[in-house]
Amino acid sequence: MTTNQNPPAYTGDIAPLGQQIDPAREYSAESQEIVFSAEQHGIWADLYAGVYQPYLLEHICQEFKDGLALLGLDSRRIPTVAQLNDHITPRTGWHIERTAVRYTLADDWYKKFAQRIFLITDYLRTRDQIEFTPEPDMFHDIFGHLPYLTMEFYARIEDKFAPAYLKATPEEREVIKRLAWYSTEFGLVIQDNRFKVFGAGIISGLAEFANTIMEFYRLGRDTVIDYTGNVFEQLSEQFLIYKNDVHRIIAGVNELHRQGQMSSQDQGWNVVHSLYETLGIDREGYFGGEVILMPFDIETIAHIPKTVYAFNPMFFVCESFEQMDALLDSYLQPIALRN
């Protein structure tokens, strides 16, 4: 298997990569099982070992850890598609297929989701991208998402998106992509009155994972959150106090994306820091971390760039998975039920 040595820069919009793939071969048997190199298995092993650490695992929701045990991944070797399906399909009815498409427009992926097919890419990040990769790769797809897909609650969440997306207007489709991004990719949930990581994008990216955990501790250190009280209520109160400034930041981030100024990790961080200065927002208290945590709010999510490849400046928290279900249903179900 060959690896693209010059991956494209990403600015927040998904761009076609100019790939010419014969549709007849895209999902053929020969494209499903790939022989990986020793170097690729080594990268997989290092990625796995980097995340599978007690100090990180304690901040991941319990469902991920339960699902990881059910999925039975080998920490040293990339699994086959057959191995994944053996552990997933009997439990939730979902089926895994490998795709040669790196990351493309969402329509084809949602058509697969409607068939209860979850796509994993054949691309693995390079060794110099161990801590951060600007696009989803097979480690993200497999390690980040698939432990959950052994569990019915996650299958139900995934089942919500495609029926709505396929009936949605173009404007609604943008919102649906954002809702998926800030729930299954970069969502947080409260468990045992603590912030816990849910989203696969955080779990599979060591740099973002570490920065998110640092924010949990910083909120307590800076007395923004008192962890002896109700954490979600306090977060909701902070968000309401600073909601106008949050929306100003979102508008600024959108403009940075339009200008293509967030196409690398370092550049993304620096321009967002500068944005705070431009807006006259002090980086202290609620805004004192590298990311902003907010309660899951559909109105706010609808205005954020759907994909922030180089930097995710804000994450959303649900009080529980039951609340996440209800909030997603409030937007998706009316669209899915249209004639």
Protein backbone atom coordinates (compact mmCIF):
# COMPACT_ATOMS: atom_id res chain seq x y z
CA MET A 1 0.00 0.00 0.00
CA THR A 2 1.37 3.41 -0.89
CA THR A 3 1.07 6.51 1.26
CA ASN A 4 0.55 10.03 -0.04
CA GLN A 5 3.70 11.87 1.03
CA ASN A 6 2.23 15.30 0.30
CA PRO A 7 -1.27 15.37 1.78
CA PRO A 8 -3.30 18.47 0.95
CA ALA A 9 -3.71 21.34 3.37
CA TYR A 10 -7.16 21.67 4.86
CA THR A 11 -8.91 24.94 5.53
CA GLY A 12 -12.19 23.71 7.00
CA ASP A 13 -13.89 22.83 3.72
CA ILE A 14 -13.75 19.31 2.32
CA ALA A 15 -12.09 19.49 -1.07
CA PRO A 16 -12.12 16.79 -3.75
CA LEU A 17 -8.68 15.24 -4.05
CA GLY A 18 -8.91 14.59 -7.77
CA GLN A 19 -8.90 10.85 -7.25
CA GLN A 20 -10.02 8.77 -10.19
CA ILE A 21 -11.36 5.59 -8.63
CA ASP A 22 -13.32 3.06 -10.62
CA PRO A 23 -16.63 2.73 -8.73
CA ALA A 24 -16.72 -0.95 -9.61
CA ARG A 25 -13.48 -1.46 -7.70
CA GLU A 26 -14.08 0.94 -4.82
CA TYR A 27 -15.97 -1.56 -2.66
CA SER A 28 -14.84 -4.78 -4.29
CA ALA A 29 -13.45 -7.71 -2.30
CA GLU A 30 -9.92 -6.81 -3.36
CA SER A 31 -10.21 -3.31 -1.89
CA GLN A 32 -11.36 -4.58 1.50
CA GLU A 33 -8.42 -6.61 2.79
CA ILE A 34 -5.03 -4.96 2.42
CA VAL A 35 -1.59 -6.23 3.33
CA PHE A 36 -0.01 -3.53 5.49
CA SER A 37 3.71 -2.96 5.89
CA ALA A 38 5.66 -3.53 9.09
CA GLU A 39 6.09 0.25 9.34
CA GLN A 40 2.33 0.80 9.17
CA HIS A 41 1.69 -1.81 11.86
CA GLY A 42 4.40 -0.05 13.90
CA ILE A 43 2.66 3.31 13.55
CA TRP A 44 -0.62 1.67 14.59
CA ALA A 45 1.07 0.16 17.67
CA ASP A 46 2.58 3.50 18.68
CA LEU A 47 -0.73 5.32 18.21
CA TYR A 48 -2.54 2.69 20.26
CA ALA A 49 0.05 2.79 23.04
CA GLY A 50 -0.04 6.60 23.07
CA VAL A 51 -3.76 6.72 23.87
CA TYR A 52 -4.07 3.53 25.91
CA GLN A 53 -2.66 5.11 29.05
CA PRO A 54 -4.40 5.17 32.46
CA TYR A 55 -4.05 8.96 32.79
CA LEU A 56 -5.93 9.37 29.48
CA LEU A 57 -8.41 6.51 29.76
CA GLU A 58 -9.81 7.88 33.02
CA HIS A 59 -11.11 10.87 31.04
CA ILE A 60 -12.94 8.78 28.38
CA CYS A 61 -16.57 7.83 28.83
CA GLN A 62 -17.24 4.32 30.13
CA GLU A 63 -19.00 3.27 26.92
CA PHE A 64 -15.79 3.62 24.91
CA LYS A 65 -13.87 1.39 27.31
CA ASP A 66 -16.65 -1.21 27.30
CA GLY A 67 -16.80 -1.13 23.50
CA LEU A 68 -13.03 -1.38 23.13
CA ALA A 69 -13.11 -4.61 25.14
CA LEU A 70 -15.89 -5.97 22.92
CA LEU A 71 -14.08 -4.99 19.71
CA GLY A 72 -11.00 -7.01 20.69
CA LEU A 73 -8.43 -4.94 18.77
CA ASP A 74 -4.82 -6.09 18.60
CA SER A 75 -2.73 -3.24 19.96
CA ARG A 76 0.16 -4.21 17.66
CA ARG A 77 -1.52 -4.84 14.32
CA ILE A 78 -4.10 -3.16 12.08
CA PRO A 79 -7.22 -5.34 12.07
CA THR A 80 -8.79 -6.84 8.97
CA VAL A 81 -12.26 -5.81 7.85
CA ALA A 82 -13.45 -9.36 8.51
CA GLN A 83 -12.23 -9.19 12.11
CA LEU A 84 -14.07 -5.91 12.65
CA ASN A 85 -17.31 -7.23 11.19
CA ASP A 86 -17.08 -10.39 13.29
CA HIS A 87 -17.24 -8.24 16.42
CA ILE A 88 -19.65 -5.53 15.23
CA THR A 89 -22.30 -6.94 12.91
CA PRO A 90 -23.70 -9.59 15.29
CA ARG A 91 -24.07 -6.96 18.02
CA THR A 92 -25.58 -3.95 16.22
CA GLY A 93 -26.24 -4.97 12.62
CA TRP A 94 -23.77 -2.42 11.25
CA HIS A 95 -21.24 -3.50 8.63
CA ILE A 96 -17.74 -2.15 7.98
CA GLU A 97 -16.37 -1.42 4.50
CA ARG A 98 -12.99 -0.02 3.56
CA THR A 99 -12.82 2.87 1.12
CA ALA A 100 -9.91 4.16 -0.94
CA VAL A 101 -11.39 7.66 -0.82
CA ARG A 102 -9.39 9.70 1.67
CA TYR A 103 -11.97 12.26 2.76
CA THR A 104 -14.56 13.52 0.38
CA LEU A 105 -17.94 15.20 0.16
CA ALA A 106 -20.40 13.86 2.72
CA ASP A 107 -23.19 12.70 0.38
CA ASP A 108 -21.62 9.35 -0.52
CA TRP A 109 -20.85 8.61 3.12
CA TYR A 110 -24.42 9.30 4.22
CA LYS A 111 -25.76 7.01 1.50
CA LYS A 112 -23.61 4.27 3.03
CA PHE A 113 -24.79 5.18 6.52
CA ALA A 114 -28.38 4.75 5.32
CA GLN A 115 -27.46 1.14 4.54
CA ARG A 116 -25.90 0.81 8.01
CA ILE A 117 -22.44 0.65 6.48
CA PHE A 118 -19.63 2.46 8.29
CA LEU A 119 -16.70 3.37 6.06
CA ILE A 120 -13.08 3.18 7.14
CA THR A 121 -10.31 4.63 5.02
CA ASP A 122 -7.27 2.76 3.74
CA TYR A 123 -5.08 5.74 4.68
CA LEU A 124 -2.85 5.72 7.79
CA ARG A 125 -1.15 8.85 9.04
CA THR A 126 2.63 9.07 8.74
CA ARG A 127 5.00 8.84 11.70
CA ASP A 128 5.45 12.61 11.82
CA GLN A 129 1.67 12.92 12.33
CA ILE A 130 1.54 10.69 15.43
CA GLU A 131 0.21 13.44 17.71
CA PHE A 132 -1.93 15.25 15.17
CA THR A 133 -3.34 14.43 11.75
CA PRO A 134 -5.30 17.01 9.73
CA GLU A 135 -7.67 14.41 8.30
CA PRO A 136 -9.36 11.24 9.52
CA ASP A 137 -7.27 8.11 8.95
CA MET A 138 -7.85 4.43 9.66
CA PHE A 139 -6.67 4.74 13.28
CA HIS A 140 -9.28 7.44 13.83
CA ASP A 141 -11.96 5.42 12.07
CA ILE A 142 -11.22 2.11 13.80
CA PHE A 143 -9.90 3.01 17.25
CA GLY A 144 -12.00 6.17 17.65
CA HIS A 145 -15.38 5.11 16.29
CA LEU A 146 -15.68 1.35 16.12
CA PRO A 147 -15.55 0.47 19.83
CA TYR A 148 -18.84 2.36 20.08
CA LEU A 149 -20.34 0.58 17.09
CA THR A 150 -20.39 -2.65 19.12
CA MET A 151 -23.03 -0.96 21.30
CA GLU A 152 -26.70 -0.35 20.57
CA PHE A 153 -26.80 3.19 21.99
CA TYR A 154 -24.20 4.36 19.47
CA ALA A 155 -25.81 2.51 16.59
CA ARG A 156 -29.03 4.39 17.41
CA ILE A 157 -27.17 7.71 17.32
CA GLU A 158 -25.59 6.90 13.95
CA ASP A 159 -28.97 5.75 12.66
CA LYS A 160 -30.38 9.25 13.20
CA PHE A 161 -28.22 11.14 10.73
CA ALA A 162 -28.64 9.54 7.30
CA PRO A 163 -32.50 9.54 7.15
CA ALA A 164 -32.51 13.26 7.91
CA TYR A 165 -29.52 14.12 5.71
CA LEU A 166 -30.99 12.46 2.63
CA LYS A 167 -34.22 14.50 2.95
CA ALA A 168 -32.66 17.78 4.08
CA THR A 169 -32.26 21.01 2.18
CA PRO A 170 -28.68 22.11 1.38
CA GLU A 171 -28.74 24.50 4.33
CA GLU A 172 -30.05 21.80 6.68
CA ARG A 173 -27.36 19.39 5.48
CA GLU A 174 -24.69 21.80 6.66
CA VAL A 175 -26.28 21.86 10.12
CA ILE A 176 -26.54 18.07 10.18
CA LYS A 177 -22.84 17.75 9.39
CA ARG A 178 -22.05 20.13 12.23
CA LEU A 179 -24.27 18.19 14.65
CA ALA A 180 -22.48 14.95 13.74
CA TRP A 181 -19.10 16.64 14.05
CA TYR A 182 -19.73 18.08 17.50
CA SER A 183 -21.33 14.92 18.88
CA THR A 184 -19.78 11.71 17.53
CA GLU A 185 -16.50 13.35 16.49
CA PHE A 186 -15.80 15.97 19.15
CA GLY A 187 -18.53 15.56 21.75
CA LEU A 188 -18.18 15.43 25.53
CA VAL A 189 -20.58 13.99 28.09
CA ILE A 190 -21.00 14.26 31.84
CA GLN A 191 -20.49 11.06 33.83
CA ASP A 192 -20.06 10.90 37.62
CA ASN A 193 -20.27 14.71 37.62
CA ARG A 194 -17.11 14.98 35.52
CA PHE A 195 -16.41 15.90 31.90
CA LYS A 196 -15.74 12.74 29.88
CA VAL A 197 -14.53 12.49 26.30
CA PHE A 198 -16.96 10.87 23.87
CA GLY A 199 -15.93 12.04 20.40
CA ALA A 200 -13.70 9.86 18.22
CA GLY A 201 -11.78 12.87 16.94
CA ILE A 202 -10.54 13.71 20.42
CA ILE A 203 -9.80 10.12 21.43
CA SER A 204 -7.76 9.35 18.30
CA GLY A 205 -5.70 12.55 18.32
CA LEU A 206 -3.20 12.73 21.17
CA ALA A 207 -2.59 16.48 20.95
CA GLU A 208 -6.28 17.40 21.05
CA PHE A 209 -6.91 14.78 23.72
CA ALA A 210 -4.23 16.25 25.97
CA ASN A 211 -5.40 19.82 25.40
CA THR A 212 -9.00 18.86 26.23
CA ILE A 213 -7.98 17.19 29.48
CA MET A 214 -5.89 20.22 30.40
CA GLU A 215 -9.02 22.35 30.03
CA PHE A 216 -10.89 20.10 32.48
CA TYR A 217 -8.24 20.80 35.10
CA ARG A 218 -7.86 24.48 34.21
CA LEU A 219 -11.56 25.16 34.73
CA GLY A 220 -11.18 23.95 38.30
CA ARG A 221 -7.86 25.68 38.89
CA ASP A 222 -9.23 29.02 37.71
CA THR A 223 -12.44 28.58 39.74
CA VAL A 224 -14.61 28.64 36.64
CA ILE A 225 -16.05 25.25 37.67
CA ASP A 226 -16.36 24.00 41.25
CA TYR A 227 -16.19 20.22 40.93
CA THR A 228 -17.90 19.77 44.30
CA GLY A 229 -21.07 21.21 42.74
CA ASN A 230 -23.17 20.32 39.68
CA VAL A 231 -20.71 20.59 36.80
CA PHE A 232 -23.22 20.78 33.94
CA GLU A 233 -25.31 23.47 35.63
CA GLN A 234 -22.20 25.59 36.19
CA LEU A 235 -21.07 25.17 32.58
CA SER A 236 -24.53 26.20 31.38
CA GLU A 237 -24.46 29.30 33.57
CA GLN A 238 -21.01 30.30 32.28
CA PHE A 239 -22.14 29.84 28.69
CA LEU A 240 -25.18 32.07 29.16
CA ILE A 241 -23.02 34.80 30.71
CA TYR A 242 -20.57 34.78 27.81
CA LYS A 243 -22.82 33.66 24.94
CA ASN A 244 -22.47 36.92 22.99
CA ASP A 245 -18.68 36.74 23.09
CA VAL A 246 -18.80 33.05 22.10
CA HIS A 247 -20.80 33.97 19.02
CA ARG A 248 -18.33 36.74 18.20
CA ILE A 249 -15.51 34.20 18.36
CA ILE A 250 -17.45 31.81 16.11
CA ALA A 251 -17.97 34.56 13.53
CA GLY A 252 -14.25 35.30 13.67
CA VAL A 253 -13.29 31.64 13.24
CA ASN A 254 -15.61 31.38 10.24
CA GLU A 255 -13.86 34.33 8.65
CA LEU A 256 -10.43 32.80 9.34
CA HIS A 257 -11.56 29.65 7.54
CA ARG A 258 -12.80 31.62 4.56
CA GLN A 259 -9.36 33.20 4.38
CA GLY A 260 -7.66 29.80 4.59
CA GLN A 261 -5.72 30.79 7.71
CA MET A 262 -6.19 27.54 9.68
CA SER A 263 -4.63 24.99 7.36
CA SER A 264 -1.89 23.87 9.75
CA GLN A 265 -1.87 23.07 13.46
CA ASP A 266 0.55 25.82 14.52
CA GLN A 267 -1.08 28.39 12.27
CA GLY A 268 -4.52 27.44 13.55
CA TRP A 269 -3.57 27.99 17.18
CA ASN A 270 -1.80 31.26 16.53
CA VAL A 271 -4.54 32.89 14.48
CA VAL A 272 -7.20 31.98 17.06
CA HIS A 273 -5.08 33.48 19.83
CA SER A 274 -4.74 36.62 17.74
CA LEU A 275 -8.50 36.62 17.16
CA TYR A 276 -9.12 37.01 20.88
CA GLU A 277 -6.88 40.08 20.88
CA THR A 278 -8.64 41.53 17.84
CA LEU A 279 -12.02 41.08 19.49
CA GLY A 280 -10.83 42.48 22.80
CA ILE A 281 -11.61 39.28 24.70
CA ASP A 282 -9.27 38.54 27.61
CA ARG A 283 -7.91 34.99 27.61
CA GLU A 284 -8.75 34.32 31.22
CA GLY A 285 -11.57 32.76 33.22
CA TYR A 286 -14.08 31.08 30.90
CA PHE A 287 -11.90 31.94 27.88
CA GLY A 288 -8.58 31.12 29.53
CA GLY A 289 -7.92 27.73 27.95
CA GLU A 290 -6.94 26.43 24.54
CA VAL A 291 -10.54 25.34 23.93
CA ILE A 292 -13.97 26.54 25.04
CA LEU A 293 -16.41 24.06 26.57
CA MET A 294 -20.11 24.73 26.09
CA PRO A 295 -23.38 22.88 26.65
CA PHE A 296 -24.65 21.18 23.49
CA ASP A 297 -26.62 23.99 21.86
CA ILE A 298 -28.00 23.46 18.36
CA GLU A 299 -28.31 27.19 17.60
CA THR A 300 -24.63 27.72 18.38
CA ILE A 301 -23.42 24.57 16.63
CA ALA A 302 -25.29 25.57 13.47
CA HIS A 303 -23.01 28.58 13.05
CA ILE A 304 -19.64 26.86 13.52
CA PRO A 305 -17.54 25.58 10.60
CA LYS A 306 -18.56 21.95 10.12
CA THR A 307 -14.99 20.71 10.11
CA VAL A 308 -12.03 22.36 11.77
CA TYR A 309 -9.12 20.30 10.53
CA ALA A 310 -6.22 22.23 12.00
CA PHE A 311 -7.76 23.31 15.28
CA ASN A 312 -11.01 22.73 17.16
CA PRO A 313 -11.50 25.87 19.26
CA MET A 314 -14.65 24.68 21.03
CA PHE A 315 -16.27 21.46 22.20
CA PHE A 316 -19.84 20.76 23.30
CA VAL A 317 -20.99 18.88 26.37
CA CYS A 318 -24.16 16.85 26.87
CA GLU A 319 -25.48 16.20 30.35
CA SER A 320 -26.03 12.55 29.38
CA PHE A 321 -26.38 10.35 26.32
CA GLU A 322 -30.14 10.49 26.88
CA GLN A 323 -29.97 14.26 26.52
CA MET A 324 -27.85 13.89 23.40
CA ASP A 325 -30.49 11.57 21.94
CA ALA A 326 -33.26 14.05 22.68
CA LEU A 327 -31.41 17.08 21.31
CA LEU A 328 -30.41 15.33 18.09
CA ASP A 329 -33.98 14.06 17.64
CA SER A 330 -35.37 17.57 18.08
CA TYR A 331 -33.60 18.66 14.90
CA LEU A 332 -33.20 15.46 12.88
CA GLN A 333 -36.48 13.63 13.38
CA PRO A 334 -38.81 16.24 11.81
CA ILE A 335 -36.61 16.27 8.70
CA ALA A 336 -36.40 12.47 8.53
CA LEU A 337 -40.21 12.16 8.75
CA ARG A 338 -40.91 14.37 5.71
CA ASN A 339 -42.70 12.79 2.79
